[in-house]
Amino acid sequence: MPDVGLDRLILRCYGYRSRKGTYVGVCLELNLAVEAESQEAVRKKMAEAISSYMETVFDTDDKASISFLLTRKAPLRDWFSYYFIHLLFYIKRFPNNFVFKEYIPFQLGHTY
């Protein structure tokens, strides 16, 4: 069975508590960010943002831009933050920093 690259359907995200007291979530592969009052709300908002973004990307009339829009990586500082938080998470849990994964939402099309 050929490798279908299911790991490419997983998006790496991280979150942290801002100085304002709200939580911020960042999706590295799509360079998306959300803000909410709790970690759970960040995860929910991120899932909604990813779904909305993907829907918009695939609905575009400019088909040549889809490849660029699906590989729109976050800045290097966000990648460093992700891996730093990931490292801290394994050393000691810090309640205001977290990493999580989201999945690219898609529906398999079919005809009757």
PDB file of N, CA and C in Angstrom:
ATOM      1  N   MET A   1       0.850  -1.187   0.000  1.00  0.00           N
ATOM      2  CA  MET A   1       0.000   0.000   0.000  1.00  0.00           C
ATOM      3  C   MET A   1       0.891   1.245   0.000  1.00  0.00           C
ATOM      4  N   PRO A   2       0.686   2.161  -0.904  1.00  0.00           N
ATOM      5  CA  PRO A   2       1.521   3.360  -0.970  1.00  0.00           C
ATOM      6  C   PRO A   2       1.262   4.291   0.197  1.00  0.00           C
ATOM      7  N   ASP A   3       2.289   5.025   0.569  1.00  0.00           N
ATOM      8  CA  ASP A   3       2.174   6.017   1.638  1.00  0.00           C
ATOM      9  C   ASP A   3       1.373   7.197   1.106  1.00  0.00           C
ATOM     10  N   VAL A   4       0.245   7.481   1.730  1.00  0.00           N
ATOM     11  CA  VAL A   4      -0.626   8.558   1.249  1.00  0.00           C
ATOM     12  C   VAL A   4      -0.322   9.886   1.915  1.00  0.00           C
ATOM     13  N   GLY A   5       0.648   9.922   2.803  1.00  0.00           N
ATOM     14  CA  GLY A   5       1.052  11.183   3.403  1.00  0.00           C
ATOM     15  C   GLY A   5       0.027  11.769   4.358  1.00  0.00           C
ATOM     16  N   LEU A   6      -0.592  10.921   5.168  1.00  0.00           N
ATOM     17  CA  LEU A   6      -1.599  11.433   6.099  1.00  0.00           C
ATOM     18  C   LEU A   6      -1.006  12.421   7.094  1.00  0.00           C
ATOM     19  N   ASP A   7       0.315  12.358   7.337  1.00  0.00           N
ATOM     20  CA  ASP A   7       0.928  13.324   8.236  1.00  0.00           C
ATOM     21  C   ASP A   7       0.839  14.739   7.676  1.00  0.00           C
ATOM     22  N   ARG A   8       0.616  14.861   6.391  1.00  0.00           N
ATOM     23  CA  ARG A   8       0.484  16.183   5.784  1.00  0.00           C
ATOM     24  C   ARG A   8      -0.891  16.803   6.050  1.00  0.00           C
ATOM     25  N   LEU A   9      -1.801  16.013   6.590  1.00  0.00           N
ATOM     26  CA  LEU A   9      -3.125  16.526   6.919  1.00  0.00           C
ATOM     27  C   LEU A   9      -3.181  17.082   8.337  1.00  0.00           C
ATOM     28  N   ILE A  10      -2.084  16.962   9.066  1.00  0.00           N
ATOM     29  CA  ILE A  10      -2.039  17.431  10.449  1.00  0.00           C
ATOM     30  C   ILE A  10      -1.336  18.780  10.493  1.00  0.00           C
ATOM     31  N   LEU A  11      -1.958  19.721  11.146  1.00  0.00           N
ATOM     32  CA  LEU A  11      -1.409  21.072  11.268  1.00  0.00           C
ATOM     33  C   LEU A  11      -0.899  21.286  12.690  1.00  0.00           C
ATOM     34  N   ARG A  12       0.321  21.777  12.803  1.00  0.00           N
ATOM     35  CA  ARG A  12       0.897  22.047  14.128  1.00  0.00           C
ATOM     36  C   ARG A  12       0.469  23.425  14.609  1.00  0.00           C
ATOM     37  N   CYS A  13       0.037  23.462  15.859  1.00  0.00           N
ATOM     38  CA  CYS A  13      -0.428  24.707  16.467  1.00  0.00           C
ATOM     39  C   CYS A  13       0.159  24.827  17.868  1.00  0.00           C
ATOM     40  N   TYR A  14       0.211  26.044  18.365  1.00  0.00           N
ATOM     41  CA  TYR A  14       0.598  26.262  19.749  1.00  0.00           C
ATOM     42  C   TYR A  14      -0.196  27.435  20.296  1.00  0.00           C
ATOM     43  N   GLY A  15      -0.196  27.537  21.600  1.00  0.00           N
ATOM     44  CA  GLY A  15      -0.914  28.632  22.236  1.00  0.00           C
ATOM     45  C   GLY A  15      -0.182  29.115  23.460  1.00  0.00           C
ATOM     46  N   TYR A  16      -0.500  30.323  23.860  1.00  0.00           N
ATOM     47  CA  TYR A  16       0.111  30.914  25.039  1.00  0.00           C
ATOM     48  C   TYR A  16      -0.826  31.971  25.611  1.00  0.00           C
ATOM     49  N   ARG A  17      -0.588  32.282  26.857  1.00  0.00           N
ATOM     50  CA  ARG A  17      -1.369  33.337  27.501  1.00  0.00           C
ATOM     51  C   ARG A  17      -0.662  34.666  27.273  1.00  0.00           C
ATOM     52  N   SER A  18      -1.390  35.622  26.735  1.00  0.00           N
ATOM     53  CA  SER A  18      -0.802  36.930  26.433  1.00  0.00           C
ATOM     54  C   SER A  18      -0.724  37.786  27.684  1.00  0.00           C
ATOM     55  N   ARG A  19      -0.047  38.895  27.572  1.00  0.00           N
ATOM     56  CA  ARG A  19       0.068  39.833  28.704  1.00  0.00           C
ATOM     57  C   ARG A  19      -1.283  40.438  29.084  1.00  0.00           C
ATOM     58  N   LYS A  20      -2.214  40.461  28.122  1.00  0.00           N
ATOM     59  CA  LYS A  20      -3.565  40.971  28.387  1.00  0.00           C
ATOM     60  C   LYS A  20      -4.407  39.969  29.167  1.00  0.00           C
ATOM     61  N   GLY A  21      -3.902  38.722  29.272  1.00  0.00           N
ATOM     62  CA  GLY A  21      -4.644  37.695  29.985  1.00  0.00           C
ATOM     63  C   GLY A  21      -5.465  36.784  29.092  1.00  0.00           C
ATOM     64  N   THR A  22      -5.535  37.110  27.812  1.00  0.00           N
ATOM     65  CA  THR A  22      -6.243  36.235  26.877  1.00  0.00           C
ATOM     66  C   THR A  22      -5.274  35.184  26.347  1.00  0.00           C
ATOM     67  N   TYR A  23      -5.821  34.177  25.690  1.00  0.00           N
ATOM     68  CA  TYR A  23      -4.991  33.140  25.079  1.00  0.00           C
ATOM     69  C   TYR A  23      -4.917  33.373  23.582  1.00  0.00           C
ATOM     70  N   VAL A  24      -3.750  33.108  23.022  1.00  0.00           N
ATOM     71  CA  VAL A  24      -3.507  33.263  21.597  1.00  0.00           C
ATOM     72  C   VAL A  24      -3.120  31.898  21.045  1.00  0.00           C
ATOM     73  N   GLY A  25      -3.667  31.546  19.898  1.00  0.00           N
ATOM     74  CA  GLY A  25      -3.310  30.302  19.215  1.00  0.00           C
ATOM     75  C   GLY A  25      -2.759  30.610  17.840  1.00  0.00           C
ATOM     76  N   VAL A  26      -1.736  29.845  17.430  1.00  0.00           N
ATOM     77  CA  VAL A  26      -1.089  30.049  16.139  1.00  0.00           C
ATOM     78  C   VAL A  26      -1.021  28.720  15.404  1.00  0.00           C
ATOM     79  N   CYS A  27      -1.411  28.716  14.142  1.00  0.00           N
ATOM     80  CA  CYS A  27      -1.278  27.552  13.270  1.00  0.00           C
ATOM     81  C   CYS A  27      -0.074  27.802  12.369  1.00  0.00           C
ATOM     82  N   LEU A  28       0.953  26.960  12.505  1.00  0.00           N
ATOM     83  CA  LEU A  28       2.211  27.188  11.802  1.00  0.00           C
ATOM     84  C   LEU A  28       2.132  26.970  10.299  1.00  0.00           C
ATOM     85  N   GLU A  29       1.472  25.916   9.856  1.00  0.00           N
ATOM     86  CA  GLU A  29       1.455  25.603   8.435  1.00  0.00           C
ATOM     87  C   GLU A  29       0.648  26.597   7.601  1.00  0.00           C
ATOM     88  N   LEU A  30      -0.348  27.212   8.190  1.00  0.00           N
ATOM     89  CA  LEU A  30      -1.198  28.146   7.437  1.00  0.00           C
ATOM     90  C   LEU A  30      -1.029  29.596   7.867  1.00  0.00           C
ATOM     91  N   ASN A  31      -0.204  29.837   8.875  1.00  0.00           N
ATOM     92  CA  ASN A  31       0.048  31.190   9.383  1.00  0.00           C
ATOM     93  C   ASN A  31      -1.261  31.877   9.791  1.00  0.00           C
ATOM     94  N   LEU A  32      -2.036  31.163  10.609  1.00  0.00           N
ATOM     95  CA  LEU A  32      -3.284  31.701  11.139  1.00  0.00           C
ATOM     96  C   LEU A  32      -3.128  31.930  12.635  1.00  0.00           C
ATOM     97  N   ALA A  33      -3.828  32.905  13.168  1.00  0.00           N
ATOM     98  CA  ALA A  33      -3.813  33.167  14.605  1.00  0.00           C
ATOM     99  C   ALA A  33      -5.223  33.493  15.073  1.00  0.00           C
ATOM    100  N   VAL A  34      -5.517  33.087  16.309  1.00  0.00           N
ATOM    101  CA  VAL A  34      -6.807  33.388  16.941  1.00  0.00           C
ATOM    102  C   VAL A  34      -6.545  33.824  18.372  1.00  0.00           C
ATOM    103  N   GLU A  35      -7.530  34.468  18.964  1.00  0.00           N
ATOM    104  CA  GLU A  35      -7.440  34.912  20.349  1.00  0.00           C
ATOM    105  C   GLU A  35      -8.751  34.575  21.050  1.00  0.00           C
ATOM    106  N   ALA A  36      -8.650  34.102  22.298  1.00  0.00           N
ATOM    107  CA  ALA A  36      -9.855  33.734  23.044  1.00  0.00           C
ATOM    108  C   ALA A  36      -9.561  33.814  24.542  1.00  0.00           C
ATOM    109  N   GLU A  37     -10.604  33.588  25.339  1.00  0.00           N
ATOM    110  CA  GLU A  37     -10.499  33.712  26.793  1.00  0.00           C
ATOM    111  C   GLU A  37      -9.984  32.454  27.495  1.00  0.00           C
ATOM    112  N   SER A  38      -9.923  31.314  26.788  1.00  0.00           N
ATOM    113  CA  SER A  38      -9.450  30.080  27.417  1.00  0.00           C
ATOM    114  C   SER A  38      -8.728  29.221  26.387  1.00  0.00           C
ATOM    115  N   GLN A  39      -8.003  28.216  26.873  1.00  0.00           N
ATOM    116  CA  GLN A  39      -7.320  27.300  25.974  1.00  0.00           C
ATOM    117  C   GLN A  39      -8.333  26.538  25.114  1.00  0.00           C
ATOM    118  N   GLU A  40      -9.404  26.102  25.731  1.00  0.00           N
ATOM    119  CA  GLU A  40     -10.430  25.360  24.999  1.00  0.00           C
ATOM    120  C   GLU A  40     -11.049  26.221  23.899  1.00  0.00           C
ATOM    121  N   ALA A  41     -11.287  27.484  24.219  1.00  0.00           N
ATOM    122  CA  ALA A  41     -11.873  28.395  23.229  1.00  0.00           C
ATOM    123  C   ALA A  41     -10.896  28.659  22.083  1.00  0.00           C
ATOM    124  N   VAL A  42      -9.600  28.703  22.386  1.00  0.00           N
ATOM    125  CA  VAL A  42      -8.595  28.882  21.337  1.00  0.00           C
ATOM    126  C   VAL A  42      -8.633  27.692  20.381  1.00  0.00           C
ATOM    127  N   ARG A  43      -8.694  26.493  20.932  1.00  0.00           N
ATOM    128  CA  ARG A  43      -8.741  25.293  20.083  1.00  0.00           C
ATOM    129  C   ARG A  43      -9.986  25.302  19.186  1.00  0.00           C
ATOM    130  N   LYS A  44     -11.108  25.676  19.756  1.00  0.00           N
ATOM    131  CA  LYS A  44     -12.352  25.718  18.977  1.00  0.00           C
ATOM    132  C   LYS A  44     -12.274  26.786  17.884  1.00  0.00           C
ATOM    133  N   LYS A  45     -11.804  27.975  18.251  1.00  0.00           N
ATOM    134  CA  LYS A  45     -11.697  29.053  17.274  1.00  0.00           C
ATOM    135  C   LYS A  45     -10.696  28.704  16.178  1.00  0.00           C
ATOM    136  N   MET A  46      -9.604  28.013  16.557  1.00  0.00           N
ATOM    137  CA  MET A  46      -8.605  27.632  15.552  1.00  0.00           C
ATOM    138  C   MET A  46      -9.214  26.633  14.569  1.00  0.00           C
ATOM    139  N   ALA A  47      -9.946  25.657  15.070  1.00  0.00           N
ATOM    140  CA  ALA A  47     -10.591  24.685  14.179  1.00  0.00           C
ATOM    141  C   ALA A  47     -11.539  25.402  13.215  1.00  0.00           C
ATOM    142  N   GLU A  48     -12.289  26.375  13.713  1.00  0.00           N
ATOM    143  CA  GLU A  48     -13.202  27.144  12.868  1.00  0.00           C
ATOM    144  C   GLU A  48     -12.442  27.990  11.858  1.00  0.00           C
ATOM    145  N   ALA A  49     -11.339  28.606  12.292  1.00  0.00           N
ATOM    146  CA  ALA A  49     -10.537  29.446  11.389  1.00  0.00           C
ATOM    147  C   ALA A  49      -9.927  28.606  10.270  1.00  0.00           C
ATOM    148  N   ILE A  50      -9.416  27.421  10.615  1.00  0.00           N
ATOM    149  CA  ILE A  50      -8.827  26.537   9.609  1.00  0.00           C
ATOM    150  C   ILE A  50      -9.883  26.091   8.613  1.00  0.00           C
ATOM    151  N   SER A  51     -11.033  25.689   9.108  1.00  0.00           N
ATOM    152  CA  SER A  51     -12.115  25.243   8.232  1.00  0.00           C
ATOM    153  C   SER A  51     -12.548  26.362   7.290  1.00  0.00           C
ATOM    154  N   SER A  52     -12.731  27.553   7.817  1.00  0.00           N
ATOM    155  CA  SER A  52     -13.140  28.696   7.004  1.00  0.00           C
ATOM    156  C   SER A  52     -12.065  29.053   5.978  1.00  0.00           C
ATOM    157  N   TYR A  53     -10.804  29.028   6.415  1.00  0.00           N
ATOM    158  CA  TYR A  53      -9.701  29.344   5.513  1.00  0.00           C
ATOM    159  C   TYR A  53      -9.647  28.346   4.358  1.00  0.00           C
ATOM    160  N   MET A  54      -9.740  27.050   4.678  1.00  0.00           N
ATOM    161  CA  MET A  54      -9.667  26.019   3.644  1.00  0.00           C
ATOM    162  C   MET A  54     -10.833  26.152   2.662  1.00  0.00           C
ATOM    163  N   GLU A  55     -11.998  26.436   3.179  1.00  0.00           N
ATOM    164  CA  GLU A  55     -13.168  26.620   2.318  1.00  0.00           C
ATOM    165  C   GLU A  55     -12.952  27.788   1.359  1.00  0.00           C
ATOM    166  N   THR A  56     -12.405  28.875   1.876  1.00  0.00           N
ATOM    167  CA  THR A  56     -12.141  30.056   1.053  1.00  0.00           C
ATOM    168  C   THR A  56     -11.081  29.761  -0.006  1.00  0.00           C
ATOM    169  N   VAL A  57     -10.023  29.063   0.398  1.00  0.00           N
ATOM    170  CA  VAL A  57      -8.945  28.729  -0.540  1.00  0.00           C
ATOM    171  C   VAL A  57      -9.473  27.910  -1.705  1.00  0.00           C
ATOM    172  N   PHE A  58     -10.250  26.875  -1.418  1.00  0.00           N
ATOM    173  CA  PHE A  58     -10.727  25.998  -2.485  1.00  0.00           C
ATOM    174  C   PHE A  58     -11.869  26.606  -3.294  1.00  0.00           C
ATOM    175  N   ASP A  59     -12.443  27.681  -2.788  1.00  0.00           N
ATOM    176  CA  ASP A  59     -13.534  28.344  -3.500  1.00  0.00           C
ATOM    177  C   ASP A  59     -13.032  29.460  -4.415  1.00  0.00           C
ATOM    178  N   THR A  60     -11.725  29.700  -4.418  1.00  0.00           N
ATOM    179  CA  THR A  60     -11.174  30.802  -5.209  1.00  0.00           C
ATOM    180  C   THR A  60     -11.256  30.518  -6.704  1.00  0.00           C
ATOM    181  N   ASP A  61     -11.395  31.566  -7.472  1.00  0.00           N
ATOM    182  CA  ASP A  61     -11.376  31.447  -8.931  1.00  0.00           C
ATOM    183  C   ASP A  61      -9.939  31.406  -9.457  1.00  0.00           C
ATOM    184  N   ASP A  62      -9.005  31.870  -8.642  1.00  0.00           N
ATOM    185  CA  ASP A  62      -7.584  31.892  -9.022  1.00  0.00           C
ATOM    186  C   ASP A  62      -6.938  30.577  -8.600  1.00  0.00           C
ATOM    187  N   LYS A  63      -7.140  29.540  -9.390  1.00  0.00           N
ATOM    188  CA  LYS A  63      -6.656  28.191  -9.052  1.00  0.00           C
ATOM    189  C   LYS A  63      -5.141  28.135  -8.913  1.00  0.00           C
ATOM    190  N   ALA A  64      -4.426  28.995  -9.587  1.00  0.00           N
ATOM    191  CA  ALA A  64      -2.962  29.004  -9.501  1.00  0.00           C
ATOM    192  C   ALA A  64      -2.478  29.421  -8.114  1.00  0.00           C
ATOM    193  N   SER A  65      -3.293  30.138  -7.361  1.00  0.00           N
ATOM    194  CA  SER A  65      -2.881  30.614  -6.037  1.00  0.00           C
ATOM    195  C   SER A  65      -3.100  29.574  -4.939  1.00  0.00           C
ATOM    196  N   ILE A  66      -3.830  28.509  -5.214  1.00  0.00           N
ATOM    197  CA  ILE A  66      -4.155  27.523  -4.183  1.00  0.00           C
ATOM    198  C   ILE A  66      -2.907  26.919  -3.571  1.00  0.00           C
ATOM    199  N   SER A  67      -1.940  26.551  -4.400  1.00  0.00           N
ATOM    200  CA  SER A  67      -0.706  25.948  -3.895  1.00  0.00           C
ATOM    201  C   SER A  67      -0.010  26.883  -2.912  1.00  0.00           C
ATOM    202  N   PHE A  68       0.085  28.159  -3.249  1.00  0.00           N
ATOM    203  CA  PHE A  68       0.710  29.138  -2.356  1.00  0.00           C
ATOM    204  C   PHE A  68      -0.081  29.283  -1.059  1.00  0.00           C
ATOM    205  N   LEU A  69      -1.389  29.357  -1.168  1.00  0.00           N
ATOM    206  CA  LEU A  69      -2.230  29.567   0.014  1.00  0.00           C
ATOM    207  C   LEU A  69      -2.213  28.376   0.966  1.00  0.00           C
ATOM    208  N   LEU A  70      -1.947  27.178   0.453  1.00  0.00           N
ATOM    209  CA  LEU A  70      -1.891  25.984   1.302  1.00  0.00           C
ATOM    210  C   LEU A  70      -0.513  25.751   1.906  1.00  0.00           C
ATOM    211  N   THR A  71       0.467  26.527   1.497  1.00  0.00           N
ATOM    212  CA  THR A  71       1.825  26.374   2.028  1.00  0.00           C
ATOM    213  C   THR A  71       2.330  27.693   2.604  1.00  0.00           C
ATOM    214  N   ARG A  72       1.461  28.436   3.178  1.00  0.00           N
ATOM    215  CA  ARG A  72       1.736  29.767   3.720  1.00  0.00           C
ATOM    216  C   ARG A  72       2.251  29.632   5.148  1.00  0.00           C
ATOM    217  N   LYS A  73       3.524  29.380   5.315  1.00  0.00           N
ATOM    218  CA  LYS A  73       4.112  29.079   6.617  1.00  0.00           C
ATOM    219  C   LYS A  73       4.230  30.328   7.493  1.00  0.00           C
ATOM    220  N   ALA A  74       4.151  30.097   8.792  1.00  0.00           N
ATOM    221  CA  ALA A  74       4.320  31.167   9.778  1.00  0.00           C
ATOM    222  C   ALA A  74       5.781  31.623   9.795  1.00  0.00           C
ATOM    223  N   PRO A  75       6.041  32.807  10.314  1.00  0.00           N
ATOM    224  CA  PRO A  75       7.424  33.296  10.423  1.00  0.00           C
ATOM    225  C   PRO A  75       8.265  32.383  11.325  1.00  0.00           C
ATOM    226  N   LEU A  76       9.564  32.452  11.135  1.00  0.00           N
ATOM    227  CA  LEU A  76      10.504  31.608  11.859  1.00  0.00           C
ATOM    228  C   LEU A  76      10.361  31.750  13.378  1.00  0.00           C
ATOM    229  N   ARG A  77      10.080  32.950  13.865  1.00  0.00           N
ATOM    230  CA  ARG A  77       9.946  33.150  15.318  1.00  0.00           C
ATOM    231  C   ARG A  77       8.797  32.316  15.893  1.00  0.00           C
ATOM    232  N   ASP A  78       7.738  32.127  15.109  1.00  0.00           N
ATOM    233  CA  ASP A  78       6.625  31.291  15.571  1.00  0.00           C
ATOM    234  C   ASP A  78       7.032  29.816  15.633  1.00  0.00           C
ATOM    235  N   TRP A  79       7.845  29.368  14.685  1.00  0.00           N
ATOM    236  CA  TRP A  79       8.343  27.991  14.718  1.00  0.00           C
ATOM    237  C   TRP A  79       9.234  27.787  15.941  1.00  0.00           C
ATOM    238  N   PHE A  80      10.089  28.763  16.232  1.00  0.00           N
ATOM    239  CA  PHE A  80      10.933  28.668  17.429  1.00  0.00           C
ATOM    240  C   PHE A  80      10.067  28.605  18.684  1.00  0.00           C
ATOM    241  N   SER A  81       9.042  29.432  18.739  1.00  0.00           N
ATOM    242  CA  SER A  81       8.138  29.426  19.900  1.00  0.00           C
ATOM    243  C   SER A  81       7.474  28.064  20.051  1.00  0.00           C
ATOM    244  N   TYR A  82       7.010  27.495  18.948  1.00  0.00           N
ATOM    245  CA  TYR A  82       6.360  26.189  18.983  1.00  0.00           C
ATOM    246  C   TYR A  82       7.295  25.131  19.572  1.00  0.00           C
ATOM    247  N   TYR A  83       8.496  25.054  19.044  1.00  0.00           N
ATOM    248  CA  TYR A  83       9.423  24.020  19.517  1.00  0.00           C
ATOM    249  C   TYR A  83       9.915  24.301  20.938  1.00  0.00           C
ATOM    250  N   PHE A  84      10.038  25.569  21.309  1.00  0.00           N
ATOM    251  CA  PHE A  84      10.423  25.906  22.682  1.00  0.00           C
ATOM    252  C   PHE A  84       9.321  25.478  23.655  1.00  0.00           C
ATOM    253  N   ILE A  85       8.085  25.786  23.342  1.00  0.00           N
ATOM    254  CA  ILE A  85       6.962  25.374  24.186  1.00  0.00           C
ATOM    255  C   ILE A  85       6.868  23.853  24.220  1.00  0.00           C
ATOM    256  N   HIS A  86       7.073  23.225  23.078  1.00  0.00           N
ATOM    257  CA  HIS A  86       7.049  21.763  23.020  1.00  0.00           C
ATOM    258  C   HIS A  86       8.103  21.177  23.953  1.00  0.00           C
ATOM    259  N   LEU A  87       9.302  21.739  23.941  1.00  0.00           N
ATOM    260  CA  LEU A  87      10.378  21.288  24.830  1.00  0.00           C
ATOM    261  C   LEU A  87      10.006  21.514  26.290  1.00  0.00           C
ATOM    262  N   LEU A  88       9.507  22.693  26.611  1.00  0.00           N
ATOM    263  CA  LEU A  88       9.102  22.989  27.989  1.00  0.00           C
ATOM    264  C   LEU A  88       7.999  22.056  28.458  1.00  0.00           C
ATOM    265  N   PHE A  89       7.114  21.711  27.553  1.00  0.00           N
ATOM    266  CA  PHE A  89       5.999  20.837  27.880  1.00  0.00           C
ATOM    267  C   PHE A  89       6.502  19.471  28.341  1.00  0.00           C
ATOM    268  N   TYR A  90       7.574  18.987  27.714  1.00  0.00           N
ATOM    269  CA  TYR A  90       8.116  17.689  28.104  1.00  0.00           C
ATOM    270  C   TYR A  90       8.956  17.772  29.367  1.00  0.00           C
ATOM    271  N   ILE A  91       9.584  18.902  29.614  1.00  0.00           N
ATOM    272  CA  ILE A  91      10.390  19.064  30.823  1.00  0.00           C
ATOM    273  C   ILE A  91       9.488  19.273  32.033  1.00  0.00           C
ATOM    274  N   LYS A  92       8.588  20.209  31.917  1.00  0.00           N
ATOM    275  CA  LYS A  92       7.659  20.531  32.999  1.00  0.00           C
ATOM    276  C   LYS A  92       6.438  21.192  32.373  1.00  0.00           C
ATOM    277  N   ARG A  93       5.291  20.807  32.818  1.00  0.00           N
ATOM    278  CA  ARG A  93       4.067  21.398  32.258  1.00  0.00           C
ATOM    279  C   ARG A  93       3.908  22.850  32.729  1.00  0.00           C
ATOM    280  N   PHE A  94       3.739  23.731  31.779  1.00  0.00           N
ATOM    281  CA  PHE A  94       3.462  25.127  32.065  1.00  0.00           C
ATOM    282  C   PHE A  94       2.016  25.385  31.671  1.00  0.00           C
ATOM    283  N   PRO A  95       1.162  25.742  32.612  1.00  0.00           N
ATOM    284  CA  PRO A  95      -0.275  25.807  32.339  1.00  0.00           C
ATOM    285  C   PRO A  95      -0.695  26.877  31.330  1.00  0.00           C
ATOM    286  N   ASN A  96       0.135  27.873  31.089  1.00  0.00           N
ATOM    287  CA  ASN A  96      -0.271  28.945  30.182  1.00  0.00           C
ATOM    288  C   ASN A  96       0.279  28.784  28.775  1.00  0.00           C
ATOM    289  N   ASN A  97       1.025  27.707  28.520  1.00  0.00           N
ATOM    290  CA  ASN A  97       1.566  27.424  27.199  1.00  0.00           C
ATOM    291  C   ASN A  97       1.150  26.016  26.807  1.00  0.00           C
ATOM    292  N   PHE A  98       0.810  25.825  25.540  1.00  0.00           N
ATOM    293  CA  PHE A  98       0.373  24.511  25.123  1.00  0.00           C
ATOM    294  C   PHE A  98       0.582  24.328  23.624  1.00  0.00           C
ATOM    295  N   VAL A  99       0.730  23.078  23.223  1.00  0.00           N
ATOM    296  CA  VAL A  99       0.812  22.738  21.807  1.00  0.00           C
ATOM    297  C   VAL A  99      -0.355  21.821  21.493  1.00  0.00           C
ATOM    298  N   PHE A 100      -0.838  21.890  20.268  1.00  0.00           N
ATOM    299  CA  PHE A 100      -1.923  21.012  19.864  1.00  0.00           C
ATOM    300  C   PHE A 100      -1.895  20.852  18.356  1.00  0.00           C
ATOM    301  N   LYS A 101      -2.618  19.861  17.872  1.00  0.00           N
ATOM    302  CA  LYS A 101      -2.676  19.588  16.444  1.00  0.00           C
ATOM    303  C   LYS A 101      -4.109  19.741  15.975  1.00  0.00           C
ATOM    304  N   GLU A 102      -4.248  20.268  14.801  1.00  0.00           N
ATOM    305  CA  GLU A 102      -5.538  20.350  14.142  1.00  0.00           C
ATOM    306  C   GLU A 102      -5.422  19.567  12.846  1.00  0.00           C
ATOM    307  N   TYR A 103      -6.524  19.165  12.301  1.00  0.00           N
ATOM    308  CA  TYR A 103      -6.528  18.382  11.084  1.00  0.00           C
ATOM    309  C   TYR A 103      -7.180  19.170   9.969  1.00  0.00           C
ATOM    310  N   ILE A 104      -6.622  19.060   8.788  1.00  0.00           N
ATOM    311  CA  ILE A 104      -7.187  19.760   7.644  1.00  0.00           C
ATOM    312  C   ILE A 104      -8.580  19.198   7.396  1.00  0.00           C
ATOM    313  N   PRO A 105      -9.592  20.033   7.455  1.00  0.00           N
ATOM    314  CA  PRO A 105     -10.947  19.547   7.234  1.00  0.00           C
ATOM    315  C   PRO A 105     -11.205  19.314   5.756  1.00  0.00           C
ATOM    316  N   PHE A 106     -11.725  18.180   5.441  1.00  0.00           N
ATOM    317  CA  PHE A 106     -12.101  17.928   4.063  1.00  0.00           C
ATOM    318  C   PHE A 106     -13.199  16.896   4.029  1.00  0.00           C
ATOM    319  N   GLN A 107     -13.949  16.924   2.954  1.00  0.00           N
ATOM    320  CA  GLN A 107     -15.010  15.947   2.739  1.00  0.00           C
ATOM    321  C   GLN A 107     -14.733  15.262   1.429  1.00  0.00           C
ATOM    322  N   LEU A 108     -14.814  13.957   1.441  1.00  0.00           N
ATOM    323  CA  LEU A 108     -14.623  13.211   0.206  1.00  0.00           C
ATOM    324  C   LEU A 108     -15.851  13.378  -0.668  1.00  0.00           C
ATOM    325  N   GLY A 109     -15.617  13.780  -1.907  1.00  0.00           N
ATOM    326  CA  GLY A 109     -16.722  13.952  -2.823  1.00  0.00           C
ATOM    327  C   GLY A 109     -17.155  12.619  -3.425  1.00  0.00           C
ATOM    328  N   HIS A 110     -18.384  12.504  -3.763  1.00  0.00           N
ATOM    329  CA  HIS A 110     -18.879  11.293  -4.399  1.00  0.00           C
ATOM    330  C   HIS A 110     -20.086  11.639  -5.263  1.00  0.00           C
ATOM    331  N   THR A 111     -20.347  10.790  -6.214  1.00  0.00           N
ATOM    332  CA  THR A 111     -21.501  10.991  -7.087  1.00  0.00           C
ATOM    333  C   THR A 111     -22.410   9.777  -6.980  1.00  0.00           C
ATOM    334  N   TYR A 112     -23.651   9.987  -7.249  1.00  0.00           N
ATOM    335  CA  TYR A 112     -24.622   8.901  -7.196  1.00  0.00           C
ATOM    336  C   TYR A 112     -24.968   8.447  -8.587  1.00  0.00           C
TER     337      TYR A 112
END
